Amino acid sequence: MGHLRQLAYVAVLAALSVGVYLNSLNGEFVFDDIVAVLHNKDVLPSTPSHLLWEHDFWGTHMSEWQSHKSFRPLTILSFRLSYIYAGHRFDELHFHAVNVASHALVTLLSLPTYRLLFGASDPKGVASFTASALFATHPIHTDAVSSIVSRGEMLSGILFLLSFLTYALLVRAASRPGLLAKASAHAALLPLSVGLGMAGMLCKE
């Protein structure tokens, strides 16, 4: 029954997080989307990939005084992948769909995160589900999800939650008896947790 309940939680959260932003799929490129995506040469595959690590989020070289100093190469890479998979064109539907899917993934990752935070006080996961449902539907996320340019916030959230959950697995594994088990957990999970956290910072500084 507990397994079925968890599946129901996941299904409802996925439906909520996608459903509340379905209307954004019809949106166009607006405001900062135009500068950071449409007019950003780093989004185009013709631009050498190494320049993503030398330019700021807006496509200006980090050494120039005009640079915003916002360093988000993995977010720009995600825009480039969206451009490629949309048939080498700036398809609004595809770009918005990735944002909505990213929001859904953050929401789903929030569920095990809340379960860890609530612990034994939430044996059936009702409080965790409620918190995740509030997260999925809270209007504070509107700009992050509906604005293509804000994708970095969700990508960063995904990676940081994965980093946190990986570290939680490490702590649990390290508490088990046996020196070999502890050493194996540290060798595998600690670098993964740190790597995920660093990747999150490369999505949104």
N, C-alpha and C. Protein backbone atom coordinates (compact mmCIF):
# COMPACT_ATOMS: atom_id res chain seq x y z
N MET A 1 0.83 -1.21 0.00
CA MET A 1 0.00 0.00 0.00
C MET A 1 0.86 1.26 0.00
N GLY A 2 1.98 1.20 0.78
CA GLY A 2 2.87 2.34 0.83
C GLY A 2 3.48 2.64 -0.53
N HIS A 3 3.83 1.58 -1.28
CA HIS A 3 4.40 1.76 -2.61
C HIS A 3 3.39 2.40 -3.55
N LEU A 4 2.15 1.94 -3.48
CA LEU A 4 1.10 2.51 -4.32
C LEU A 4 0.84 3.97 -3.96
N ARG A 5 0.92 4.28 -2.67
CA ARG A 5 0.71 5.66 -2.23
C ARG A 5 1.79 6.56 -2.81
N GLN A 6 3.03 6.10 -2.78
CA GLN A 6 4.13 6.89 -3.31
C GLN A 6 3.97 7.12 -4.81
N LEU A 7 3.54 6.08 -5.52
CA LEU A 7 3.29 6.23 -6.96
C LEU A 7 2.19 7.25 -7.23
N ALA A 8 1.17 7.22 -6.38
CA ALA A 8 0.08 8.19 -6.52
C ALA A 8 0.58 9.60 -6.26
N TYR A 9 1.42 9.76 -5.24
CA TYR A 9 2.00 11.07 -4.95
C TYR A 9 2.76 11.60 -6.17
N VAL A 10 3.60 10.74 -6.74
CA VAL A 10 4.42 11.13 -7.89
C VAL A 10 3.54 11.52 -9.08
N ALA A 11 2.50 10.72 -9.34
CA ALA A 11 1.61 10.99 -10.47
C ALA A 11 0.88 12.31 -10.30
N VAL A 12 0.38 12.56 -9.10
CA VAL A 12 -0.35 13.81 -8.85
C VAL A 12 0.59 15.01 -8.95
N LEU A 13 1.78 14.89 -8.38
CA LEU A 13 2.73 16.01 -8.43
C LEU A 13 3.16 16.30 -9.87
N ALA A 14 3.37 15.26 -10.66
CA ALA A 14 3.74 15.46 -12.06
C ALA A 14 2.62 16.18 -12.81
N ALA A 15 1.39 15.75 -12.56
CA ALA A 15 0.24 16.38 -13.22
C ALA A 15 0.07 17.83 -12.79
N LEU A 16 0.25 18.09 -11.50
CA LEU A 16 0.11 19.46 -11.00
C LEU A 16 1.18 20.37 -11.58
N SER A 17 2.44 19.92 -11.51
CA SER A 17 3.55 20.78 -11.93
C SER A 17 3.51 21.08 -13.42
N VAL A 18 3.01 20.14 -14.21
CA VAL A 18 2.88 20.37 -15.65
C VAL A 18 1.60 21.14 -15.96
N GLY A 19 0.51 20.75 -15.30
CA GLY A 19 -0.79 21.33 -15.60
C GLY A 19 -0.88 22.82 -15.38
N VAL A 20 -0.26 23.31 -14.30
CA VAL A 20 -0.39 24.74 -14.00
C VAL A 20 0.39 25.61 -14.99
N TYR A 21 1.30 25.00 -15.77
CA TYR A 21 2.10 25.79 -16.71
C TYR A 21 1.86 25.40 -18.17
N LEU A 22 0.80 24.65 -18.42
CA LEU A 22 0.49 24.29 -19.81
C LEU A 22 0.26 25.52 -20.68
N ASN A 23 -0.32 26.56 -20.10
CA ASN A 23 -0.59 27.77 -20.90
C ASN A 23 0.69 28.48 -21.33
N SER A 24 1.81 28.21 -20.64
CA SER A 24 3.06 28.86 -21.02
C SER A 24 3.64 28.28 -22.30
N LEU A 25 3.17 27.10 -22.71
CA LEU A 25 3.69 26.47 -23.92
C LEU A 25 3.40 27.30 -25.17
N ASN A 26 2.40 28.15 -25.09
CA ASN A 26 2.04 28.99 -26.24
C ASN A 26 2.78 30.33 -26.24
N GLY A 27 3.66 30.51 -25.26
CA GLY A 27 4.36 31.78 -25.14
C GLY A 27 5.41 31.98 -26.22
N GLU A 28 5.81 33.24 -26.39
CA GLU A 28 6.84 33.59 -27.36
C GLU A 28 8.13 33.92 -26.62
N PHE A 29 9.17 34.24 -27.38
CA PHE A 29 10.40 34.75 -26.80
C PHE A 29 10.17 36.22 -26.47
N VAL A 30 10.32 36.59 -25.21
CA VAL A 30 10.06 37.97 -24.80
C VAL A 30 11.17 38.48 -23.88
N PHE A 31 11.29 39.79 -23.81
CA PHE A 31 12.20 40.47 -22.88
C PHE A 31 13.62 39.88 -22.97
N ASP A 32 14.14 39.38 -21.85
CA ASP A 32 15.52 38.88 -21.83
C ASP A 32 15.73 37.63 -22.67
N ASP A 33 14.65 36.92 -23.00
CA ASP A 33 14.77 35.76 -23.90
C ASP A 33 15.42 36.17 -25.22
N ILE A 34 15.08 37.35 -25.68
CA ILE A 34 15.55 37.81 -26.99
C ILE A 34 17.06 38.01 -26.98
N VAL A 35 17.58 38.59 -25.88
CA VAL A 35 19.01 38.86 -25.79
C VAL A 35 19.80 37.60 -25.46
N ALA A 36 19.33 36.85 -24.45
CA ALA A 36 20.10 35.71 -23.95
C ALA A 36 19.96 34.46 -24.81
N VAL A 37 18.90 34.38 -25.60
CA VAL A 37 18.67 33.17 -26.40
C VAL A 37 18.72 33.49 -27.90
N LEU A 38 17.78 34.29 -28.37
CA LEU A 38 17.67 34.55 -29.81
C LEU A 38 18.91 35.24 -30.38
N HIS A 39 19.45 36.22 -29.66
CA HIS A 39 20.57 37.00 -30.18
C HIS A 39 21.91 36.57 -29.59
N ASN A 40 21.93 35.46 -28.90
CA ASN A 40 23.16 34.97 -28.27
C ASN A 40 23.83 33.95 -29.20
N LYS A 41 24.96 34.32 -29.77
CA LYS A 41 25.63 33.43 -30.72
C LYS A 41 26.14 32.15 -30.05
N ASP A 42 26.31 32.17 -28.73
CA ASP A 42 26.76 30.96 -28.03
C ASP A 42 25.73 29.84 -28.08
N VAL A 43 24.49 30.19 -28.34
CA VAL A 43 23.43 29.18 -28.44
C VAL A 43 23.55 28.39 -29.74
N LEU A 44 24.14 28.99 -30.75
CA LEU A 44 24.25 28.35 -32.06
C LEU A 44 25.38 27.32 -32.08
N PRO A 45 25.16 26.16 -32.70
CA PRO A 45 26.20 25.12 -32.77
C PRO A 45 27.44 25.56 -33.53
N SER A 46 27.32 26.57 -34.36
CA SER A 46 28.47 27.05 -35.14
C SER A 46 29.50 27.74 -34.26
N THR A 47 29.11 28.16 -33.07
CA THR A 47 30.05 28.79 -32.14
C THR A 47 30.85 27.72 -31.43
N PRO A 48 32.18 27.81 -31.42
CA PRO A 48 33.00 26.80 -30.73
C PRO A 48 32.57 26.61 -29.27
N SER A 49 32.51 25.37 -28.84
CA SER A 49 32.01 25.07 -27.50
C SER A 49 32.85 25.68 -26.39
N HIS A 50 34.15 25.83 -26.64
CA HIS A 50 35.01 26.36 -25.58
C HIS A 50 34.66 27.81 -25.22
N LEU A 51 34.00 28.52 -26.15
CA LEU A 51 33.63 29.90 -25.86
C LEU A 51 32.54 29.99 -24.80
N LEU A 52 31.78 28.91 -24.60
CA LEU A 52 30.77 28.91 -23.54
C LEU A 52 31.42 29.08 -22.17
N TRP A 53 32.69 28.69 -22.07
CA TRP A 53 33.42 28.78 -20.81
C TRP A 53 34.19 30.09 -20.70
N GLU A 54 34.13 30.90 -21.74
CA GLU A 54 34.83 32.18 -21.73
C GLU A 54 33.87 33.37 -21.73
N HIS A 55 32.62 33.11 -22.07
CA HIS A 55 31.62 34.18 -22.17
C HIS A 55 30.67 34.15 -20.98
N ASP A 56 30.05 35.29 -20.71
CA ASP A 56 29.02 35.33 -19.67
C ASP A 56 27.70 34.82 -20.25
N PHE A 57 26.67 34.88 -19.45
CA PHE A 57 25.37 34.34 -19.84
C PHE A 57 24.80 35.01 -21.08
N TRP A 58 25.21 36.25 -21.31
CA TRP A 58 24.65 37.04 -22.41
C TRP A 58 25.51 37.00 -23.67
N GLY A 59 26.59 36.22 -23.63
CA GLY A 59 27.43 36.05 -24.80
C GLY A 59 28.59 37.02 -24.90
N THR A 60 28.83 37.79 -23.84
CA THR A 60 29.94 38.74 -23.81
C THR A 60 31.14 38.10 -23.13
N HIS A 61 32.34 38.33 -23.67
CA HIS A 61 33.54 37.76 -23.06
C HIS A 61 33.70 38.26 -21.63
N MET A 62 34.05 37.36 -20.73
CA MET A 62 34.12 37.70 -19.31
C MET A 62 35.16 38.78 -19.02
N SER A 63 36.15 38.93 -19.89
CA SER A 63 37.21 39.91 -19.66
C SER A 63 36.80 41.33 -20.04
N GLU A 64 35.71 41.47 -20.78
CA GLU A 64 35.28 42.80 -21.22
C GLU A 64 34.55 43.53 -20.09
N TRP A 65 34.70 44.85 -20.07
CA TRP A 65 34.10 45.63 -18.99
C TRP A 65 32.58 45.62 -19.07
N GLN A 66 32.04 45.38 -20.28
CA GLN A 66 30.58 45.34 -20.43
C GLN A 66 29.97 44.05 -19.89
N SER A 67 30.83 43.08 -19.57
CA SER A 67 30.32 41.77 -19.15
C SER A 67 29.51 41.85 -17.87
N HIS A 68 28.42 41.12 -17.87
CA HIS A 68 27.53 41.04 -16.70
C HIS A 68 28.13 40.18 -15.60
N LYS A 69 29.14 39.36 -15.96
CA LYS A 69 29.84 38.43 -15.05
C LYS A 69 28.95 37.30 -14.56
N SER A 70 27.83 37.09 -15.22
CA SER A 70 26.97 35.96 -14.87
C SER A 70 27.45 34.75 -15.67
N PHE A 71 27.95 33.74 -14.97
CA PHE A 71 28.61 32.60 -15.62
C PHE A 71 27.72 31.37 -15.52
N ARG A 72 27.06 31.02 -16.63
CA ARG A 72 26.10 29.91 -16.64
C ARG A 72 26.28 29.05 -17.89
N PRO A 73 27.46 28.47 -18.09
CA PRO A 73 27.72 27.74 -19.33
C PRO A 73 26.81 26.53 -19.55
N LEU A 74 26.42 25.84 -18.49
CA LEU A 74 25.56 24.67 -18.67
C LEU A 74 24.14 25.07 -19.08
N THR A 75 23.69 26.22 -18.63
CA THR A 75 22.38 26.70 -19.07
C THR A 75 22.41 27.07 -20.54
N ILE A 76 23.48 27.74 -20.97
CA ILE A 76 23.63 28.06 -22.39
C ILE A 76 23.72 26.77 -23.21
N LEU A 77 24.41 25.78 -22.68
CA LEU A 77 24.50 24.49 -23.37
C LEU A 77 23.11 23.87 -23.53
N SER A 78 22.27 24.02 -22.51
CA SER A 78 20.90 23.48 -22.61
C SER A 78 20.10 24.21 -23.69
N PHE A 79 20.32 25.52 -23.83
CA PHE A 79 19.67 26.27 -24.90
C PHE A 79 20.14 25.76 -26.27
N ARG A 80 21.44 25.50 -26.36
CA ARG A 80 21.98 25.00 -27.62
C ARG A 80 21.38 23.64 -27.97
N LEU A 81 21.25 22.76 -26.97
CA LEU A 81 20.65 21.45 -27.21
C LEU A 81 19.18 21.58 -27.62
N SER A 82 18.48 22.52 -26.99
CA SER A 82 17.08 22.76 -27.38
C SER A 82 17.00 23.22 -28.83
N TYR A 83 17.92 24.09 -29.21
CA TYR A 83 17.96 24.59 -30.59
C TYR A 83 18.22 23.44 -31.57
N ILE A 84 19.14 22.55 -31.21
CA ILE A 84 19.49 21.43 -32.09
C ILE A 84 18.32 20.45 -32.22
N TYR A 85 17.74 20.07 -31.07
CA TYR A 85 16.68 19.07 -31.09
C TYR A 85 15.36 19.62 -31.63
N ALA A 86 15.27 20.94 -31.73
CA ALA A 86 14.08 21.54 -32.35
C ALA A 86 14.25 21.68 -33.86
N GLY A 87 15.31 21.05 -34.39
CA GLY A 87 15.53 21.11 -35.84
C GLY A 87 16.36 22.30 -36.26
N HIS A 88 17.29 22.71 -35.38
CA HIS A 88 18.14 23.87 -35.65
C HIS A 88 17.31 25.13 -35.90
N ARG A 89 16.35 25.32 -35.02
CA ARG A 89 15.54 26.54 -35.09
C ARG A 89 15.07 26.90 -33.69
N PHE A 90 14.70 28.14 -33.52
CA PHE A 90 14.22 28.63 -32.22
C PHE A 90 12.71 28.38 -32.14
N ASP A 91 12.36 27.18 -31.74
CA ASP A 91 10.96 26.79 -31.63
C ASP A 91 10.46 27.08 -30.21
N GLU A 92 9.54 28.03 -30.09
CA GLU A 92 9.06 28.44 -28.77
C GLU A 92 8.48 27.28 -27.97
N LEU A 93 7.71 26.43 -28.63
CA LEU A 93 7.07 25.31 -27.94
C LEU A 93 8.11 24.39 -27.31
N HIS A 94 9.14 24.07 -28.06
CA HIS A 94 10.17 23.17 -27.54
C HIS A 94 10.89 23.79 -26.35
N PHE A 95 11.28 25.05 -26.48
CA PHE A 95 12.00 25.72 -25.39
C PHE A 95 11.15 25.79 -24.13
N HIS A 96 9.88 26.14 -24.30
CA HIS A 96 8.99 26.22 -23.14
C HIS A 96 8.72 24.83 -22.55
N ALA A 97 8.61 23.82 -23.40
CA ALA A 97 8.35 22.46 -22.91
C ALA A 97 9.49 21.97 -22.03
N VAL A 98 10.72 22.31 -22.38
CA VAL A 98 11.87 21.92 -21.55
C VAL A 98 11.79 22.60 -20.19
N ASN A 99 11.38 23.86 -20.17
CA ASN A 99 11.23 24.56 -18.90
C ASN A 99 10.17 23.91 -18.02
N VAL A 100 9.03 23.57 -18.61
CA VAL A 100 7.95 22.95 -17.84
C VAL A 100 8.39 21.58 -17.33
N ALA A 101 9.06 20.81 -18.17
CA ALA A 101 9.56 19.50 -17.75
C ALA A 101 10.58 19.64 -16.62
N SER A 102 11.41 20.67 -16.70
CA SER A 102 12.41 20.91 -15.65
C SER A 102 11.73 21.24 -14.33
N HIS A 103 10.68 22.04 -14.39
CA HIS A 103 9.92 22.36 -13.18
C HIS A 103 9.30 21.10 -12.59
N ALA A 104 8.78 20.23 -13.44
CA ALA A 104 8.19 18.98 -12.96
C ALA A 104 9.25 18.12 -12.27
N LEU A 105 10.45 18.09 -12.82
CA LEU A 105 11.52 17.28 -12.23
C LEU A 105 11.96 17.84 -10.87
N VAL A 106 12.07 19.17 -10.78
CA VAL A 106 12.40 19.78 -9.48
C VAL A 106 11.33 19.42 -8.45
N THR A 107 10.08 19.50 -8.86
CA THR A 107 8.97 19.18 -7.96
C THR A 107 9.07 17.74 -7.47
N LEU A 108 9.33 16.81 -8.38
CA LEU A 108 9.42 15.40 -8.00
C LEU A 108 10.61 15.16 -7.08
N LEU A 109 11.71 15.86 -7.31
CA LEU A 109 12.87 15.71 -6.44
C LEU A 109 12.63 16.33 -5.07
N SER A 110 11.71 17.29 -5.01
CA SER A 110 11.42 17.90 -3.70
C SER A 110 10.73 16.92 -2.77
N LEU A 111 10.03 15.92 -3.33
CA LEU A 111 9.31 14.96 -2.49
C LEU A 111 10.25 14.15 -1.60
N PRO A 112 11.26 13.46 -2.13
CA PRO A 112 12.18 12.75 -1.23
C PRO A 112 12.99 13.70 -0.34
N THR A 113 13.19 14.92 -0.81
CA THR A 113 13.90 15.91 0.02
C THR A 113 13.08 16.25 1.26
N TYR A 114 11.78 16.50 1.06
CA TYR A 114 10.91 16.77 2.20
C TYR A 114 10.78 15.55 3.10
N ARG A 115 10.78 14.35 2.51
CA ARG A 115 10.68 13.15 3.32
C ARG A 115 11.87 13.06 4.28
N LEU A 116 13.04 13.42 3.78
CA LEU A 116 14.23 13.42 4.64
C LEU A 116 14.12 14.47 5.73
N LEU A 117 13.61 15.64 5.37
CA LEU A 117 13.52 16.74 6.34
C LEU A 117 12.48 16.46 7.42
N PHE A 118 11.33 15.91 7.02
CA PHE A 118 10.27 15.61 7.99
C PHE A 118 10.59 14.35 8.79
N GLY A 119 11.26 13.40 8.18
CA GLY A 119 11.67 12.20 8.88
C GLY A 119 10.53 11.39 9.46
N ALA A 120 10.73 10.93 10.69
CA ALA A 120 9.76 10.06 11.35
C ALA A 120 8.45 10.77 11.67
N SER A 121 8.45 12.09 11.65
CA SER A 121 7.21 12.83 11.96
C SER A 121 6.20 12.76 10.82
N ASP A 122 6.60 12.20 9.68
CA ASP A 122 5.71 12.11 8.52
C ASP A 122 5.75 10.69 7.95
N PRO A 123 5.26 9.70 8.71
CA PRO A 123 5.40 8.29 8.31
C PRO A 123 4.72 7.94 6.99
N LYS A 124 3.61 8.57 6.67
CA LYS A 124 2.89 8.27 5.43
C LYS A 124 3.22 9.24 4.30
N GLY A 125 4.05 10.22 4.59
CA GLY A 125 4.47 11.15 3.56
C GLY A 125 3.45 12.20 3.18
N VAL A 126 2.39 12.34 4.00
CA VAL A 126 1.33 13.30 3.66
C VAL A 126 1.86 14.73 3.71
N ALA A 127 2.61 15.05 4.76
CA ALA A 127 3.15 16.40 4.88
C ALA A 127 4.14 16.70 3.75
N SER A 128 4.96 15.71 3.40
CA SER A 128 5.92 15.89 2.32
C SER A 128 5.21 16.11 0.99
N PHE A 129 4.16 15.33 0.75
CA PHE A 129 3.39 15.49 -0.48
C PHE A 129 2.74 16.86 -0.53
N THR A 130 2.18 17.30 0.59
CA THR A 130 1.53 18.61 0.64
C THR A 130 2.52 19.73 0.35
N ALA A 131 3.72 19.62 0.94
CA ALA A 131 4.75 20.63 0.71
C ALA A 131 5.17 20.65 -0.75
N SER A 132 5.32 19.47 -1.35
CA SER A 132 5.71 19.39 -2.76
C SER A 132 4.61 19.92 -3.67
N ALA A 133 3.35 19.65 -3.31
CA ALA A 133 2.23 20.17 -4.10
C ALA A 133 2.18 21.69 -4.04
N LEU A 134 2.48 22.24 -2.87
CA LEU A 134 2.55 23.70 -2.73
C LEU A 134 3.70 24.25 -3.57
N PHE A 135 4.82 23.55 -3.54
CA PHE A 135 5.97 23.96 -4.35
C PHE A 135 5.61 23.95 -5.84
N ALA A 136 4.89 22.92 -6.27
CA ALA A 136 4.54 22.77 -7.69
C ALA A 136 3.65 23.89 -8.19
N THR A 137 2.77 24.36 -7.33
CA THR A 137 1.73 25.30 -7.78
C THR A 137 1.93 26.73 -7.28
N HIS A 138 2.96 26.97 -6.50
CA HIS A 138 3.15 28.31 -5.94
C HIS A 138 3.47 29.31 -7.05
N PRO A 139 2.78 30.45 -7.07
CA PRO A 139 2.99 31.42 -8.16
C PRO A 139 4.36 32.08 -8.17
N ILE A 140 5.14 31.90 -7.11
CA ILE A 140 6.47 32.51 -7.09
C ILE A 140 7.37 31.93 -8.19
N HIS A 141 7.02 30.73 -8.67
CA HIS A 141 7.82 30.08 -9.71
C HIS A 141 7.44 30.50 -11.12
N THR A 142 6.45 31.35 -11.26
CA THR A 142 5.94 31.70 -12.58
C THR A 142 7.02 32.24 -13.51
N ASP A 143 7.82 33.16 -13.03
CA ASP A 143 8.86 33.75 -13.88
C ASP A 143 9.90 32.72 -14.27
N ALA A 144 10.30 31.88 -13.30
CA ALA A 144 11.33 30.88 -13.58
C ALA A 144 10.89 29.87 -14.63
N VAL A 145 9.62 29.49 -14.60
CA VAL A 145 9.12 28.47 -15.53
C VAL A 145 8.70 29.08 -16.86
N SER A 146 8.00 30.19 -16.82
CA SER A 146 7.43 30.76 -18.04
C SER A 146 8.43 31.54 -18.86
N SER A 147 9.48 32.05 -18.24
CA SER A 147 10.52 32.78 -18.97
C SER A 147 11.62 31.81 -19.36
N ILE A 148 11.84 31.65 -20.63
CA ILE A 148 12.86 30.71 -21.10
C ILE A 148 14.22 31.05 -20.52
N VAL A 149 14.50 32.33 -20.41
CA VAL A 149 15.80 32.78 -19.94
C VAL A 149 16.08 32.34 -18.51
N SER A 150 15.04 32.00 -17.76
CA SER A 150 15.22 31.62 -16.35
C SER A 150 15.41 30.12 -16.15
N ARG A 151 15.65 29.39 -17.21
CA ARG A 151 15.82 27.94 -17.10
C ARG A 151 16.93 27.55 -16.12
N GLY A 152 17.95 28.39 -16.02
CA GLY A 152 19.06 28.08 -15.14
C GLY A 152 18.65 27.87 -13.69
N GLU A 153 17.62 28.57 -13.25
CA GLU A 153 17.16 28.40 -11.88
C GLU A 153 16.68 26.99 -11.63
N MET A 154 15.95 26.43 -12.60
CA MET A 154 15.43 25.06 -12.43
C MET A 154 16.53 24.03 -12.60
N LEU A 155 17.42 24.23 -13.56
CA LEU A 155 18.53 23.31 -13.74
C LEU A 155 19.40 23.28 -12.50
N SER A 156 19.66 24.45 -11.94
CA SER A 156 20.43 24.53 -10.71
C SER A 156 19.71 23.82 -9.57
N GLY A 157 18.39 24.01 -9.49
CA GLY A 157 17.61 23.35 -8.45
C GLY A 157 17.65 21.84 -8.58
N ILE A 158 17.54 21.34 -9.81
CA ILE A 158 17.60 19.89 -10.04
C ILE A 158 18.93 19.33 -9.55
N LEU A 159 20.01 19.97 -9.94
CA LEU A 159 21.34 19.46 -9.61
C LEU A 159 21.65 19.58 -8.13
N PHE A 160 21.22 20.66 -7.49
CA PHE A 160 21.48 20.81 -6.07
C PHE A 160 20.66 19.82 -5.24
N LEU A 161 19.43 19.57 -5.64
CA LEU A 161 18.63 18.57 -4.93
C LEU A 161 19.23 17.18 -5.11
N LEU A 162 19.70 16.88 -6.31
CA LEU A 162 20.38 15.60 -6.53
C LEU A 162 21.65 15.50 -5.69
N SER A 163 22.37 16.61 -5.57
CA SER A 163 23.57 16.63 -4.73
C SER A 163 23.21 16.36 -3.27
N PHE A 164 22.15 17.00 -2.79
CA PHE A 164 21.71 16.81 -1.41
C PHE A 164 21.27 15.37 -1.16
N LEU A 165 20.48 14.82 -2.09
CA LEU A 165 19.97 13.46 -1.92
C LEU A 165 21.10 12.44 -2.01
N THR A 166 22.09 12.71 -2.86
CA THR A 166 23.25 11.82 -2.95
C THR A 166 24.04 11.84 -1.65
N TYR A 167 24.19 13.03 -1.07
CA TYR A 167 24.90 13.12 0.20
C TYR A 167 24.13 12.41 1.31
N ALA A 168 22.80 12.49 1.26
CA ALA A 168 21.99 11.79 2.24
C ALA A 168 22.20 10.28 2.14
N LEU A 169 22.32 9.78 0.91
CA LEU A 169 22.62 8.36 0.72
C LEU A 169 23.98 8.01 1.30
N LEU A 170 24.93 8.92 1.13
CA LEU A 170 26.27 8.72 1.68
C LEU A 170 26.23 8.61 3.19
N VAL A 171 25.50 9.51 3.83
CA VAL A 171 25.40 9.49 5.30
C VAL A 171 24.76 8.19 5.77
N ARG A 172 23.73 7.76 5.06
CA ARG A 172 23.05 6.51 5.44
C ARG A 172 23.99 5.31 5.26
N ALA A 173 24.72 5.29 4.14
CA ALA A 173 25.63 4.17 3.89
C ALA A 173 26.79 4.17 4.88
N ALA A 174 27.25 5.36 5.24
CA ALA A 174 28.38 5.45 6.17
C ALA A 174 28.01 5.02 7.58
N SER A 175 26.72 5.02 7.88
CA SER A 175 26.28 4.63 9.23
C SER A 175 26.18 3.12 9.39
N ARG A 176 26.30 2.39 8.28
CA ARG A 176 26.24 0.94 8.35
C ARG A 176 27.57 0.37 8.84
N PRO A 177 27.52 -0.80 9.48
CA PRO A 177 28.77 -1.41 9.96
C PRO A 177 29.63 -1.90 8.80
N GLY A 178 30.90 -1.91 9.02
CA GLY A 178 31.81 -2.42 8.00
C GLY A 178 32.64 -1.32 7.38
N LEU A 179 33.94 -1.42 7.52
CA LEU A 179 34.85 -0.40 7.01
C LEU A 179 34.82 -0.34 5.48
N LEU A 180 34.70 -1.50 4.84
CA LEU A 180 34.69 -1.55 3.38
C LEU A 180 33.46 -0.84 2.82
N ALA A 181 32.31 -1.06 3.46
CA ALA A 181 31.08 -0.42 2.99
C ALA A 181 31.18 1.10 3.11
N LYS A 182 31.74 1.58 4.22
CA LYS A 182 31.89 3.02 4.41
C LYS A 182 32.86 3.62 3.39
N ALA A 183 33.98 2.92 3.17
CA ALA A 183 34.98 3.41 2.22
C ALA A 183 34.41 3.45 0.81
N SER A 184 33.65 2.42 0.45
CA SER A 184 33.04 2.37 -0.89
C SER A 184 32.04 3.50 -1.08
N ALA A 185 31.25 3.76 -0.03
CA ALA A 185 30.26 4.83 -0.10
C ALA A 185 30.93 6.18 -0.30
N HIS A 186 31.98 6.44 0.46
CA HIS A 186 32.68 7.71 0.32
C HIS A 186 33.33 7.84 -1.06
N ALA A 187 33.92 6.75 -1.54
CA ALA A 187 34.62 6.80 -2.82
C ALA A 187 33.66 7.07 -3.98
N ALA A 188 32.45 6.55 -3.88
CA ALA A 188 31.50 6.68 -4.99
C ALA A 188 30.58 7.88 -4.85
N LEU A 189 30.03 8.08 -3.65
CA LEU A 189 28.96 9.07 -3.48
C LEU A 189 29.46 10.48 -3.19
N LEU A 190 30.56 10.60 -2.46
CA LEU A 190 31.04 11.95 -2.12
C LEU A 190 31.45 12.73 -3.36
N PRO A 191 32.28 12.16 -4.26
CA PRO A 191 32.61 12.91 -5.48
C PRO A 191 31.38 13.21 -6.34
N LEU A 192 30.43 12.28 -6.36
CA LEU A 192 29.21 12.51 -7.14
C LEU A 192 28.41 13.67 -6.57
N SER A 193 28.28 13.72 -5.25
CA SER A 193 27.55 14.80 -4.61
C SER A 193 28.22 16.15 -4.87
N VAL A 194 29.53 16.18 -4.72
CA VAL A 194 30.27 17.43 -4.96
C VAL A 194 30.17 17.84 -6.42
N GLY A 195 30.29 16.87 -7.33
CA GLY A 195 30.20 17.16 -8.76
C GLY A 195 28.84 17.71 -9.16
N LEU A 196 27.78 17.14 -8.59
CA LEU A 196 26.44 17.63 -8.88
C LEU A 196 26.25 19.06 -8.37
N GLY A 197 26.79 19.34 -7.19
CA GLY A 197 26.70 20.69 -6.64
C GLY A 197 27.43 21.70 -7.50
N MET A 198 28.62 21.32 -7.97
CA MET A 198 29.39 22.21 -8.84
C MET A 198 28.68 22.44 -10.17
N ALA A 199 28.08 21.38 -10.70
CA ALA A 199 27.33 21.52 -11.95
C ALA A 199 26.15 22.47 -11.77
N GLY A 200 25.51 22.40 -10.60
CA GLY A 200 24.42 23.32 -10.30
C GLY A 200 24.86 24.77 -10.33
N MET A 201 26.08 25.02 -9.82
CA MET A 201 26.60 26.38 -9.82
C MET A 201 26.97 26.86 -11.21
N LEU A 202 27.20 25.94 -12.13
CA LEU A 202 27.49 26.31 -13.52
C LEU A 202 26.21 26.55 -14.32
N CYS A 203 25.07 26.30 -13.68
CA CYS A 203 23.78 26.61 -14.30
C CYS A 203 23.27 27.97 -13.85
N LYS A 204 23.54 28.31 -12.60
CA LYS A 204 23.12 29.61 -12.05
C LYS A 204 24.08 29.95 -10.94
N GLU A 205 24.88 30.98 -11.18
CA GLU A 205 25.90 31.33 -10.21
C GLU A 205 25.29 31.90 -8.94
